[in-house]
N, C-alpha and C. Protein backbone atom coordinates (compact mmCIF):
# COMPACT_ATOMS: atom_id res chain seq x y z
N UNK A 1 109.16 141.76 152.42
CA UNK A 1 109.22 142.71 151.32
C UNK A 1 108.25 143.84 151.57
N UNK A 2 108.66 145.03 151.24
CA UNK A 2 107.77 146.17 151.41
C UNK A 2 107.67 146.95 150.12
N UNK A 3 106.52 147.44 149.84
CA UNK A 3 106.31 148.14 148.59
C UNK A 3 107.05 149.46 148.54
N UNK A 4 107.50 149.95 149.69
CA UNK A 4 108.19 151.24 149.71
C UNK A 4 109.61 151.12 149.17
N UNK A 5 110.12 149.89 148.97
CA UNK A 5 111.45 149.73 148.42
C UNK A 5 111.46 149.85 146.90
N UNK A 6 110.33 150.08 146.31
CA UNK A 6 110.27 150.16 144.86
C UNK A 6 110.94 151.41 144.32
N UNK A 7 111.18 152.40 145.16
CA UNK A 7 111.78 153.64 144.69
C UNK A 7 110.78 154.48 143.93
N UNK A 8 111.25 155.28 143.02
CA UNK A 8 110.36 156.19 142.29
C UNK A 8 109.67 155.45 141.17
N UNK A 9 108.37 155.38 141.26
CA UNK A 9 107.58 154.72 140.24
C UNK A 9 106.81 155.77 139.45
N UNK A 10 106.94 155.71 138.17
CA UNK A 10 106.29 156.71 137.35
C UNK A 10 105.52 156.04 136.23
N UNK A 11 104.27 156.41 136.07
CA UNK A 11 103.47 155.92 134.95
C UNK A 11 102.91 157.12 134.21
N UNK A 12 102.66 156.95 132.94
CA UNK A 12 102.16 158.08 132.17
C UNK A 12 101.13 157.60 131.15
N UNK A 13 100.13 158.39 130.94
CA UNK A 13 99.16 158.12 129.89
C UNK A 13 98.78 159.43 129.23
N UNK A 14 98.69 159.45 127.94
CA UNK A 14 98.25 160.65 127.23
C UNK A 14 96.76 160.53 126.99
N UNK A 15 96.02 161.50 127.44
CA UNK A 15 94.57 161.46 127.31
C UNK A 15 94.11 162.65 126.48
N UNK A 16 93.48 162.37 125.35
CA UNK A 16 92.97 163.45 124.51
C UNK A 16 91.68 163.95 125.13
N UNK A 17 91.81 164.95 125.97
CA UNK A 17 90.68 165.44 126.76
C UNK A 17 90.36 166.88 126.36
N UNK A 18 89.09 167.14 126.09
CA UNK A 18 88.64 168.49 125.84
C UNK A 18 88.11 169.06 127.15
N UNK A 19 88.88 169.96 127.75
CA UNK A 19 88.51 170.47 129.07
C UNK A 19 87.38 171.47 128.99
N UNK A 20 87.23 172.14 127.87
CA UNK A 20 86.14 173.12 127.74
C UNK A 20 85.89 173.34 126.26
N UNK A 21 84.83 174.08 125.96
CA UNK A 21 84.46 174.29 124.56
C UNK A 21 85.28 175.39 123.90
N UNK A 22 85.93 176.21 124.71
CA UNK A 22 86.73 177.30 124.14
C UNK A 22 88.03 176.75 123.57
N UNK A 23 88.50 177.33 122.45
CA UNK A 23 89.69 176.80 121.78
C UNK A 23 90.93 176.78 122.66
N UNK A 24 91.14 177.73 123.54
CA UNK A 24 92.36 177.82 124.31
C UNK A 24 92.48 176.69 125.33
N UNK A 25 91.33 176.11 125.72
CA UNK A 25 91.34 175.03 126.71
C UNK A 25 91.05 173.67 126.09
N UNK A 26 91.09 173.61 124.75
CA UNK A 26 90.71 172.38 124.06
C UNK A 26 91.89 171.47 123.74
N UNK A 27 93.07 171.78 124.26
CA UNK A 27 94.26 170.96 123.97
C UNK A 27 94.25 169.68 124.81
N UNK A 28 94.88 168.60 124.30
CA UNK A 28 94.98 167.37 125.09
C UNK A 28 95.95 167.54 126.26
N UNK A 29 95.75 166.70 127.27
CA UNK A 29 96.59 166.73 128.47
C UNK A 29 97.22 165.37 128.70
N UNK A 30 98.36 165.37 129.38
CA UNK A 30 99.01 164.14 129.82
C UNK A 30 98.92 164.08 131.34
N UNK A 31 98.58 162.92 131.86
CA UNK A 31 98.46 162.72 133.30
C UNK A 31 99.61 161.83 133.76
N UNK A 32 100.47 162.35 134.64
CA UNK A 32 101.69 161.66 135.06
C UNK A 32 101.64 161.39 136.56
N UNK A 33 101.84 160.12 136.96
CA UNK A 33 101.81 159.77 138.38
C UNK A 33 103.20 159.86 139.00
N UNK A 34 103.26 160.20 140.29
CA UNK A 34 104.51 160.24 141.04
C UNK A 34 104.31 159.55 142.38
N UNK A 35 105.05 158.44 142.59
CA UNK A 35 104.86 157.66 143.81
C UNK A 35 105.45 158.35 145.03
N UNK A 36 106.42 159.24 144.84
CA UNK A 36 107.06 159.91 145.98
C UNK A 36 106.17 161.01 146.57
N UNK A 37 105.46 161.71 145.71
CA UNK A 37 104.66 162.84 146.18
C UNK A 37 103.17 162.52 146.25
N UNK A 38 102.80 161.29 145.82
CA UNK A 38 101.42 160.80 145.93
C UNK A 38 100.43 161.71 145.21
N UNK A 39 100.78 162.10 144.00
CA UNK A 39 99.87 162.95 143.23
C UNK A 39 100.03 162.68 141.75
N UNK A 40 99.18 163.34 140.98
CA UNK A 40 99.20 163.23 139.52
C UNK A 40 99.38 164.63 138.94
N UNK A 41 100.39 164.78 138.10
CA UNK A 41 100.62 166.06 137.44
C UNK A 41 99.86 166.09 136.11
N UNK A 42 99.17 167.17 135.87
CA UNK A 42 98.42 167.35 134.61
C UNK A 42 99.22 168.30 133.73
N UNK A 43 99.64 167.81 132.57
CA UNK A 43 100.49 168.59 131.67
C UNK A 43 99.73 168.96 130.42
N UNK A 44 99.73 170.22 130.10
CA UNK A 44 99.15 170.69 128.84
C UNK A 44 100.18 170.42 127.75
N UNK A 45 99.88 169.47 126.84
CA UNK A 45 100.86 169.10 125.84
C UNK A 45 101.02 170.14 124.73
N UNK A 46 100.13 171.11 124.72
CA UNK A 46 100.27 172.19 123.73
C UNK A 46 101.33 173.19 124.15
N UNK A 47 101.46 173.37 125.48
CA UNK A 47 102.43 174.35 126.00
C UNK A 47 103.55 173.69 126.80
N UNK A 48 103.42 172.36 127.02
CA UNK A 48 104.41 171.62 127.82
C UNK A 48 104.60 172.22 129.21
N UNK A 49 103.49 172.52 129.85
CA UNK A 49 103.53 173.07 131.20
C UNK A 49 102.55 172.30 132.09
N UNK A 50 102.88 172.25 133.38
CA UNK A 50 102.00 171.61 134.36
C UNK A 50 100.90 172.59 134.73
N UNK A 51 99.67 172.18 134.51
CA UNK A 51 98.55 173.07 134.77
C UNK A 51 97.80 172.71 136.04
N UNK A 52 98.08 171.50 136.59
CA UNK A 52 97.41 171.10 137.83
C UNK A 52 98.17 169.95 138.47
N UNK A 53 98.01 169.84 139.79
CA UNK A 53 98.56 168.71 140.54
C UNK A 53 97.43 168.14 141.38
N UNK A 54 97.10 166.86 141.15
CA UNK A 54 95.94 166.25 141.79
C UNK A 54 96.39 165.26 142.87
N UNK A 55 96.13 165.51 144.16
CA UNK A 55 96.47 164.55 145.21
C UNK A 55 95.63 163.28 145.05
N UNK A 56 96.29 162.12 145.14
CA UNK A 56 95.57 160.85 145.05
C UNK A 56 95.96 159.97 146.24
N UNK A 57 96.02 158.65 146.06
CA UNK A 57 96.39 157.75 147.14
C UNK A 57 97.89 157.63 147.29
N UNK A 58 98.31 156.64 148.09
CA UNK A 58 99.73 156.43 148.37
C UNK A 58 100.39 155.65 147.23
N UNK A 59 101.53 156.16 146.77
CA UNK A 59 102.33 155.52 145.71
C UNK A 59 101.52 155.19 144.46
N UNK A 60 100.97 156.19 143.79
CA UNK A 60 100.25 155.93 142.55
C UNK A 60 101.19 155.43 141.46
N UNK A 61 100.70 154.50 140.65
CA UNK A 61 101.55 153.98 139.57
C UNK A 61 100.79 153.92 138.24
N UNK A 62 99.95 152.89 138.07
CA UNK A 62 99.25 152.74 136.81
C UNK A 62 98.21 153.82 136.61
N UNK A 63 97.99 154.21 135.36
CA UNK A 63 97.01 155.24 135.04
C UNK A 63 96.41 154.96 133.67
N UNK A 64 95.09 155.18 133.55
CA UNK A 64 94.40 154.94 132.28
C UNK A 64 93.29 155.96 132.12
N UNK A 65 93.01 156.30 130.86
CA UNK A 65 91.98 157.29 130.57
C UNK A 65 90.72 156.62 130.03
N UNK A 66 89.57 157.14 130.39
CA UNK A 66 88.29 156.68 129.85
C UNK A 66 88.26 157.02 128.36
N UNK A 67 87.70 156.14 127.53
CA UNK A 67 87.66 156.41 126.08
C UNK A 67 87.03 157.76 125.73
N UNK A 68 86.08 158.21 126.54
CA UNK A 68 85.43 159.48 126.26
C UNK A 68 86.26 160.67 126.74
N UNK A 69 87.35 160.39 127.47
CA UNK A 69 88.19 161.47 127.97
C UNK A 69 87.63 162.17 129.18
N UNK A 70 86.59 161.63 129.78
CA UNK A 70 85.93 162.30 130.90
C UNK A 70 86.56 161.99 132.25
N UNK A 71 87.23 160.85 132.34
CA UNK A 71 87.81 160.43 133.61
C UNK A 71 89.19 159.81 133.40
N UNK A 72 90.01 159.88 134.44
CA UNK A 72 91.30 159.19 134.46
C UNK A 72 91.34 158.33 135.71
N UNK A 73 91.77 157.07 135.56
CA UNK A 73 91.80 156.12 136.66
C UNK A 73 93.25 155.88 137.08
N UNK A 74 93.52 156.01 138.38
CA UNK A 74 94.88 155.90 138.90
C UNK A 74 94.95 154.78 139.94
N UNK A 75 95.84 153.81 139.71
CA UNK A 75 96.04 152.71 140.66
C UNK A 75 97.03 153.14 141.74
N UNK A 76 96.57 153.20 142.99
CA UNK A 76 97.41 153.61 144.12
C UNK A 76 97.99 152.38 144.79
N UNK A 77 99.24 152.07 144.47
CA UNK A 77 99.89 150.84 144.93
C UNK A 77 99.95 150.76 146.46
N UNK A 78 100.21 151.88 147.11
CA UNK A 78 100.43 151.87 148.56
C UNK A 78 99.18 151.91 149.41
N UNK A 79 98.05 152.32 148.86
CA UNK A 79 96.84 152.44 149.66
C UNK A 79 95.73 151.50 149.19
N UNK A 80 96.03 150.64 148.18
CA UNK A 80 95.08 149.63 147.71
C UNK A 80 93.76 150.26 147.26
N UNK A 81 93.87 151.33 146.49
CA UNK A 81 92.69 152.01 145.98
C UNK A 81 92.92 152.46 144.54
N UNK A 82 91.83 152.83 143.89
CA UNK A 82 91.90 153.47 142.57
C UNK A 82 91.22 154.82 142.69
N UNK A 83 91.94 155.88 142.32
CA UNK A 83 91.38 157.22 142.32
C UNK A 83 90.79 157.52 140.95
N UNK A 84 89.58 158.04 140.94
CA UNK A 84 88.91 158.42 139.70
C UNK A 84 88.95 159.94 139.59
N UNK A 85 89.67 160.44 138.61
CA UNK A 85 89.85 161.88 138.44
C UNK A 85 88.91 162.39 137.35
N UNK A 86 88.19 163.45 137.66
CA UNK A 86 87.37 164.12 136.66
C UNK A 86 88.28 165.04 135.85
N UNK A 87 88.31 164.86 134.54
CA UNK A 87 89.17 165.71 133.72
C UNK A 87 88.57 167.10 133.52
N UNK A 88 87.31 167.27 133.85
CA UNK A 88 86.68 168.59 133.74
C UNK A 88 87.15 169.51 134.86
N UNK A 89 87.40 168.90 136.05
CA UNK A 89 87.80 169.72 137.21
C UNK A 89 89.20 169.39 137.70
N UNK A 90 89.81 168.32 137.14
CA UNK A 90 91.12 167.85 137.61
C UNK A 90 91.12 167.66 139.13
N UNK A 91 90.13 166.93 139.60
CA UNK A 91 90.01 166.60 141.02
C UNK A 91 89.49 165.18 141.14
N UNK A 92 89.75 164.55 142.30
CA UNK A 92 89.29 163.18 142.53
C UNK A 92 87.80 163.20 142.85
N UNK A 93 87.03 162.49 142.04
CA UNK A 93 85.59 162.45 142.24
C UNK A 93 85.14 161.17 142.95
N UNK A 94 86.04 160.16 143.00
CA UNK A 94 85.71 158.91 143.69
C UNK A 94 87.00 158.16 144.01
N UNK A 95 86.95 157.37 145.09
CA UNK A 95 88.06 156.50 145.47
C UNK A 95 87.50 155.10 145.66
N UNK A 96 88.04 154.15 144.89
CA UNK A 96 87.50 152.79 144.88
C UNK A 96 88.47 151.83 145.57
N UNK A 97 88.06 151.17 146.66
CA UNK A 97 88.93 150.17 147.31
C UNK A 97 89.08 148.94 146.40
N UNK A 98 90.31 148.40 146.30
CA UNK A 98 90.56 147.20 145.51
C UNK A 98 91.42 146.23 146.33
N UNK A 99 91.93 145.18 145.68
CA UNK A 99 92.78 144.21 146.36
C UNK A 99 94.17 144.80 146.62
N UNK A 100 95.02 143.99 147.29
CA UNK A 100 96.34 144.47 147.71
C UNK A 100 97.25 144.79 146.52
N UNK A 101 97.95 145.90 146.62
CA UNK A 101 98.98 146.25 145.66
C UNK A 101 98.52 146.49 144.24
N UNK A 102 97.53 147.34 143.99
CA UNK A 102 97.13 147.62 142.60
C UNK A 102 98.28 148.27 141.84
N UNK A 103 98.60 147.69 140.68
CA UNK A 103 99.79 148.12 139.96
C UNK A 103 99.46 148.69 138.59
N UNK A 104 98.61 147.98 137.86
CA UNK A 104 98.22 148.45 136.53
C UNK A 104 96.72 148.60 136.43
N UNK A 105 96.28 149.45 135.52
CA UNK A 105 94.85 149.66 135.32
C UNK A 105 94.60 149.96 133.85
N UNK A 106 93.51 149.45 133.33
CA UNK A 106 93.12 149.74 131.96
C UNK A 106 91.60 149.84 131.90
N UNK A 107 91.11 150.50 130.89
CA UNK A 107 89.67 150.71 130.74
C UNK A 107 89.20 150.02 129.46
N UNK A 108 88.09 149.30 129.55
CA UNK A 108 87.52 148.64 128.39
C UNK A 108 87.16 149.67 127.32
N UNK A 109 87.34 149.34 126.03
CA UNK A 109 87.03 150.29 124.96
C UNK A 109 85.62 150.86 125.02
N UNK A 110 84.69 150.08 125.59
CA UNK A 110 83.32 150.57 125.71
C UNK A 110 83.17 151.58 126.84
N UNK A 111 84.15 151.63 127.72
CA UNK A 111 84.10 152.55 128.85
C UNK A 111 83.27 152.08 130.01
N UNK A 112 82.76 150.84 129.95
CA UNK A 112 81.85 150.35 131.00
C UNK A 112 82.58 149.68 132.15
N UNK A 113 83.86 149.29 131.96
CA UNK A 113 84.60 148.59 133.00
C UNK A 113 86.04 149.11 133.06
N UNK A 114 86.57 149.15 134.28
CA UNK A 114 88.00 149.41 134.48
C UNK A 114 88.58 148.16 135.14
N UNK A 115 89.72 147.68 134.64
CA UNK A 115 90.34 146.46 135.13
C UNK A 115 91.65 146.81 135.84
N UNK A 116 91.83 146.25 137.05
CA UNK A 116 92.99 146.57 137.88
C UNK A 116 93.79 145.30 138.15
N UNK A 117 95.11 145.35 137.95
CA UNK A 117 96.00 144.23 138.26
C UNK A 117 96.61 144.43 139.64
N UNK A 118 96.54 143.39 140.48
CA UNK A 118 97.09 143.45 141.83
C UNK A 118 98.25 142.47 141.95
N UNK A 119 99.36 142.94 142.48
CA UNK A 119 100.54 142.10 142.62
C UNK A 119 100.43 141.21 143.85
N UNK A 120 100.62 139.88 143.66
CA UNK A 120 100.79 138.94 144.77
C UNK A 120 99.74 139.16 145.85
N UNK A 121 98.49 139.36 145.44
CA UNK A 121 97.47 139.78 146.38
C UNK A 121 96.69 138.63 146.99
N UNK A 122 96.97 137.37 146.59
CA UNK A 122 96.13 136.28 147.06
C UNK A 122 96.89 135.15 147.74
N UNK A 123 98.11 135.41 148.25
CA UNK A 123 98.86 134.36 148.92
C UNK A 123 98.28 134.06 150.29
N UNK A 124 98.21 132.75 150.61
CA UNK A 124 97.65 132.35 151.89
C UNK A 124 98.47 131.21 152.49
N UNK A 125 98.36 131.04 153.82
CA UNK A 125 98.88 129.88 154.53
C UNK A 125 97.67 129.27 155.23
N UNK A 126 97.22 128.11 154.73
CA UNK A 126 95.94 127.58 155.19
C UNK A 126 94.85 128.45 154.63
N UNK A 127 94.17 129.19 155.48
CA UNK A 127 93.18 130.17 155.03
C UNK A 127 93.55 131.58 155.46
N UNK A 128 94.76 131.74 156.00
CA UNK A 128 95.21 133.03 156.52
C UNK A 128 96.03 133.79 155.47
N UNK A 129 95.68 135.02 155.13
CA UNK A 129 96.49 135.80 154.18
C UNK A 129 97.90 136.03 154.72
N UNK A 130 98.90 135.79 153.89
CA UNK A 130 100.30 136.00 154.29
C UNK A 130 101.08 136.63 153.15
N UNK A 131 102.11 137.38 153.51
CA UNK A 131 103.09 137.93 152.56
C UNK A 131 102.47 138.72 151.42
N UNK A 132 101.43 139.46 151.74
CA UNK A 132 100.80 140.28 150.71
C UNK A 132 101.67 141.49 150.38
N UNK A 133 101.54 142.02 149.18
CA UNK A 133 102.33 143.18 148.80
C UNK A 133 101.93 144.43 149.56
N UNK A 134 100.77 144.41 150.18
CA UNK A 134 100.35 145.56 150.96
C UNK A 134 100.95 145.55 152.36
N UNK A 135 101.72 144.49 152.68
CA UNK A 135 102.31 144.38 154.01
C UNK A 135 103.83 144.53 153.92
N UNK A 136 104.49 144.51 155.07
CA UNK A 136 105.94 144.63 155.12
C UNK A 136 106.60 143.26 155.30
N UNK A 137 105.85 142.17 155.18
CA UNK A 137 106.38 140.83 155.39
C UNK A 137 106.74 140.17 154.07
N UNK A 138 107.58 139.14 154.15
CA UNK A 138 107.97 138.40 152.97
C UNK A 138 108.44 137.01 153.36
N UNK A 139 108.35 136.07 152.43
CA UNK A 139 108.80 134.71 152.68
C UNK A 139 110.30 134.64 152.45
N UNK A 140 111.04 134.22 153.49
CA UNK A 140 112.50 134.24 153.42
C UNK A 140 113.09 132.95 152.86
N UNK A 141 114.11 133.10 152.02
CA UNK A 141 114.85 131.97 151.46
C UNK A 141 116.34 132.22 151.66
N UNK A 142 117.08 131.19 152.05
CA UNK A 142 118.52 131.33 152.25
C UNK A 142 119.22 130.01 151.97
N UNK A 143 120.41 130.06 151.39
CA UNK A 143 121.19 128.86 151.10
C UNK A 143 122.10 128.52 152.28
N UNK A 144 121.52 128.40 153.43
CA UNK A 144 122.26 128.09 154.65
C UNK A 144 121.61 126.91 155.35
N UNK A 145 122.42 125.92 155.76
CA UNK A 145 121.89 124.80 156.53
C UNK A 145 121.61 125.20 157.97
N UNK A 146 122.30 126.21 158.44
CA UNK A 146 122.14 126.67 159.81
C UNK A 146 122.54 128.14 159.85
N UNK A 147 122.38 128.79 161.00
CA UNK A 147 122.68 130.21 161.12
C UNK A 147 124.16 130.51 160.87
N UNK A 148 125.04 129.56 161.26
CA UNK A 148 126.49 129.80 161.13
C UNK A 148 127.04 129.27 159.81
N UNK A 149 126.22 128.61 159.02
CA UNK A 149 126.69 128.01 157.77
C UNK A 149 126.81 129.06 156.66
N UNK A 150 127.59 128.71 155.66
CA UNK A 150 127.79 129.59 154.52
C UNK A 150 127.35 128.89 153.24
N UNK A 151 126.77 129.63 152.30
CA UNK A 151 126.38 129.01 151.02
C UNK A 151 127.61 128.65 150.20
N UNK A 152 127.49 127.57 149.43
CA UNK A 152 128.59 127.11 148.57
C UNK A 152 128.06 126.87 147.17
N UNK A 153 128.49 127.72 146.23
CA UNK A 153 128.08 127.60 144.84
C UNK A 153 126.55 127.62 144.70
N UNK A 154 126.05 127.00 143.60
CA UNK A 154 124.62 126.98 143.37
C UNK A 154 123.92 126.01 144.30
N UNK A 155 122.69 126.30 144.65
CA UNK A 155 121.94 125.41 145.51
C UNK A 155 120.46 125.76 145.49
N UNK A 156 119.65 124.84 146.03
CA UNK A 156 118.20 125.04 146.10
C UNK A 156 117.79 125.26 147.54
N UNK A 157 116.78 126.11 147.75
CA UNK A 157 116.29 126.37 149.10
C UNK A 157 114.79 126.56 149.07
N UNK A 158 114.12 126.05 150.11
CA UNK A 158 112.68 126.23 150.25
C UNK A 158 112.32 126.96 151.52
N UNK A 159 113.31 127.60 152.14
CA UNK A 159 113.08 128.32 153.39
C UNK A 159 114.36 128.97 153.89
N UNK A 160 114.40 129.30 155.15
CA UNK A 160 115.58 129.94 155.73
C UNK A 160 115.73 129.48 157.18
N UNK A 161 116.95 129.03 157.52
CA UNK A 161 117.22 128.56 158.88
C UNK A 161 117.02 129.69 159.88
N UNK A 162 116.32 129.39 160.96
CA UNK A 162 116.12 130.38 162.01
C UNK A 162 114.87 131.22 161.86
N UNK A 163 114.22 131.16 160.69
CA UNK A 163 113.00 131.93 160.47
C UNK A 163 111.77 131.05 160.74
N UNK A 164 110.85 131.58 161.51
CA UNK A 164 109.60 130.86 161.76
C UNK A 164 108.58 131.32 160.72
N UNK A 165 108.26 130.44 159.78
CA UNK A 165 107.33 130.78 158.71
C UNK A 165 106.64 129.50 158.23
N UNK A 166 105.52 129.63 157.56
CA UNK A 166 104.78 128.44 157.12
C UNK A 166 105.62 127.54 156.23
N UNK A 167 105.40 126.23 156.34
CA UNK A 167 106.13 125.29 155.50
C UNK A 167 105.66 125.37 154.06
N UNK A 168 104.43 125.79 153.85
CA UNK A 168 103.88 125.88 152.49
C UNK A 168 103.03 127.14 152.36
N UNK A 169 103.16 127.79 151.24
CA UNK A 169 102.37 128.98 150.92
C UNK A 169 101.66 128.71 149.60
N UNK A 170 100.38 128.93 149.56
CA UNK A 170 99.60 128.67 148.35
C UNK A 170 98.90 129.95 147.89
N UNK A 171 98.13 129.82 146.82
CA UNK A 171 97.38 130.94 146.30
C UNK A 171 95.89 130.69 146.49
N UNK A 172 95.16 131.76 146.73
CA UNK A 172 93.73 131.64 147.02
C UNK A 172 92.93 131.28 145.78
N UNK A 173 93.44 131.60 144.60
CA UNK A 173 92.72 131.28 143.37
C UNK A 173 93.71 131.00 142.26
N UNK A 174 93.23 130.39 141.19
CA UNK A 174 94.08 130.02 140.07
C UNK A 174 94.29 131.22 139.16
N UNK A 175 95.14 131.02 138.15
CA UNK A 175 95.41 132.11 137.21
C UNK A 175 96.85 132.58 137.30
N UNK A 176 97.13 133.73 136.70
CA UNK A 176 98.47 134.29 136.71
C UNK A 176 98.75 135.00 138.03
N UNK A 177 100.00 134.92 138.48
CA UNK A 177 100.41 135.57 139.72
C UNK A 177 101.74 136.27 139.49
N UNK A 178 101.98 137.32 140.25
CA UNK A 178 103.24 138.08 140.16
C UNK A 178 104.00 137.95 141.46
N UNK A 179 105.28 137.59 141.38
CA UNK A 179 106.14 137.49 142.55
C UNK A 179 107.15 138.64 142.52
N UNK A 180 107.29 139.32 143.64
CA UNK A 180 108.34 140.33 143.77
C UNK A 180 109.48 139.72 144.57
N UNK A 181 110.69 139.81 144.03
CA UNK A 181 111.87 139.23 144.67
C UNK A 181 112.79 140.35 145.10
N UNK A 182 113.19 140.32 146.37
CA UNK A 182 114.10 141.32 146.91
C UNK A 182 115.32 140.63 147.50
N UNK A 183 116.49 140.96 146.98
CA UNK A 183 117.74 140.36 147.48
C UNK A 183 118.19 141.09 148.74
N UNK A 184 118.55 140.32 149.77
CA UNK A 184 118.96 140.90 151.05
C UNK A 184 120.47 140.94 151.21
N UNK A 185 121.22 140.27 150.32
CA UNK A 185 122.68 140.24 150.41
C UNK A 185 123.29 140.50 149.05
N UNK A 186 124.46 141.16 149.06
CA UNK A 186 125.18 141.41 147.81
C UNK A 186 125.77 140.10 147.29
N UNK A 187 125.88 140.00 145.97
CA UNK A 187 126.52 138.84 145.37
C UNK A 187 125.60 137.68 145.13
N UNK A 188 124.34 137.79 145.51
CA UNK A 188 123.39 136.70 145.32
C UNK A 188 122.82 136.73 143.90
N UNK A 189 122.75 135.59 143.27
CA UNK A 189 122.14 135.48 141.95
C UNK A 189 121.02 134.44 141.99
N UNK A 190 119.95 134.69 141.26
CA UNK A 190 118.83 133.76 141.19
C UNK A 190 118.70 133.25 139.77
N UNK A 191 118.73 131.92 139.62
CA UNK A 191 118.66 131.31 138.30
C UNK A 191 117.25 130.80 138.01
N UNK A 192 116.60 130.15 138.99
CA UNK A 192 115.27 129.62 138.80
C UNK A 192 114.42 129.79 140.06
N UNK A 193 113.13 130.02 139.85
CA UNK A 193 112.14 129.98 140.94
C UNK A 193 111.08 128.98 140.52
N UNK A 194 110.85 127.98 141.36
CA UNK A 194 109.91 126.91 141.04
C UNK A 194 108.75 126.94 142.02
N UNK A 195 107.54 127.01 141.49
CA UNK A 195 106.32 126.90 142.30
C UNK A 195 105.70 125.55 141.97
N UNK A 196 105.60 124.68 142.97
CA UNK A 196 105.14 123.32 142.71
C UNK A 196 104.27 122.81 143.85
N UNK A 197 103.00 122.48 143.58
CA UNK A 197 102.12 121.98 144.63
C UNK A 197 102.29 120.49 144.91
N UNK A 198 102.91 119.75 143.96
CA UNK A 198 102.99 118.30 144.10
C UNK A 198 104.43 117.81 144.05
N UNK A 199 105.06 117.90 142.90
CA UNK A 199 106.38 117.30 142.69
C UNK A 199 107.41 117.79 143.70
N UNK A 200 107.46 119.09 143.92
CA UNK A 200 108.42 119.64 144.87
C UNK A 200 107.70 120.31 146.06
N UNK A 201 106.53 119.77 146.36
CA UNK A 201 105.75 120.36 147.46
C UNK A 201 106.38 120.17 148.82
N UNK A 202 107.17 119.09 149.01
CA UNK A 202 107.75 118.82 150.33
C UNK A 202 109.26 118.92 150.36
N UNK A 203 109.91 118.96 149.20
CA UNK A 203 111.36 119.09 149.16
C UNK A 203 111.80 119.82 147.91
N UNK A 204 112.98 120.44 147.99
CA UNK A 204 113.49 121.23 146.87
C UNK A 204 113.96 120.32 145.75
N UNK A 205 114.09 120.83 144.52
CA UNK A 205 114.53 120.01 143.39
C UNK A 205 115.96 119.49 143.52
N UNK A 206 116.79 120.17 144.32
CA UNK A 206 118.18 119.75 144.46
C UNK A 206 118.71 120.04 145.84
N UNK A 207 120.02 119.88 146.00
CA UNK A 207 120.68 120.09 147.29
C UNK A 207 120.91 121.58 147.54
N UNK A 208 121.17 121.90 148.80
CA UNK A 208 121.34 123.30 149.17
C UNK A 208 122.73 123.83 148.79
N UNK A 209 123.68 122.92 148.54
CA UNK A 209 125.04 123.35 148.19
C UNK A 209 125.55 122.53 147.00
N UNK A 210 126.40 123.17 146.19
CA UNK A 210 127.08 122.50 145.09
C UNK A 210 126.13 121.67 144.22
N UNK A 211 125.03 122.27 143.82
CA UNK A 211 124.02 121.55 143.04
C UNK A 211 123.91 122.15 141.64
N UNK A 212 123.69 121.29 140.67
CA UNK A 212 123.59 121.76 139.28
C UNK A 212 122.25 121.40 138.65
N UNK A 213 121.26 121.05 139.49
CA UNK A 213 119.95 120.66 138.98
C UNK A 213 119.25 121.84 138.31
N UNK A 214 118.72 121.62 137.13
CA UNK A 214 117.93 122.61 136.42
C UNK A 214 116.56 122.01 136.14
N UNK A 215 115.52 122.65 136.59
CA UNK A 215 114.16 122.15 136.39
C UNK A 215 113.64 122.60 135.03
N UNK A 216 113.18 121.64 134.25
CA UNK A 216 112.65 121.96 132.91
C UNK A 216 111.32 122.67 133.03
N UNK A 217 111.04 123.55 132.09
CA UNK A 217 109.76 124.24 132.08
C UNK A 217 108.64 123.26 131.74
N UNK A 218 107.48 123.37 132.41
CA UNK A 218 106.38 122.45 132.14
C UNK A 218 105.80 122.68 130.74
């Protein structure tokens, strides 16, 4: 899986920012990210016009404003960084490295902390990082017993014939995780995805073909 398949990603936040003490520049602005052009458009909401374009990292998505209106934080999904924009100059004043695939960002009401969400950033095989969203790799699944076989109706799979990949993939830490799923063939439907360290750690819940097993939610 590659993050570049996400297409056009757009995030928007309205920030009530006073750019100067003079009345003509005291209107609020909206900061809009564009993943295709790797920049942030600054829109004057009083005139509905773009007043600045701020270059940031690769594929910016999430954006949040400081409660005081002094800074805007932009999560750059493609470059694993957060750009800090000064609203006084509409320029990047700092670039903060973060974990793989930063997607969302928010600022604490006190303004003392910014929190960044990273997609699928902690997957490992043994102690080796694998299938991170910042890479072009992904764990393959296929309903085929062999390369020449064809899938038949519903079935369960824990891998793909012919692909050399780890038998088990785990997470480096506990908590919530985000999985990105990319279909490689037309006509494929996904009904359930089961992550199991024990019960189904060595085998799938059902057969690879003509199976009707449904795993109950824990």
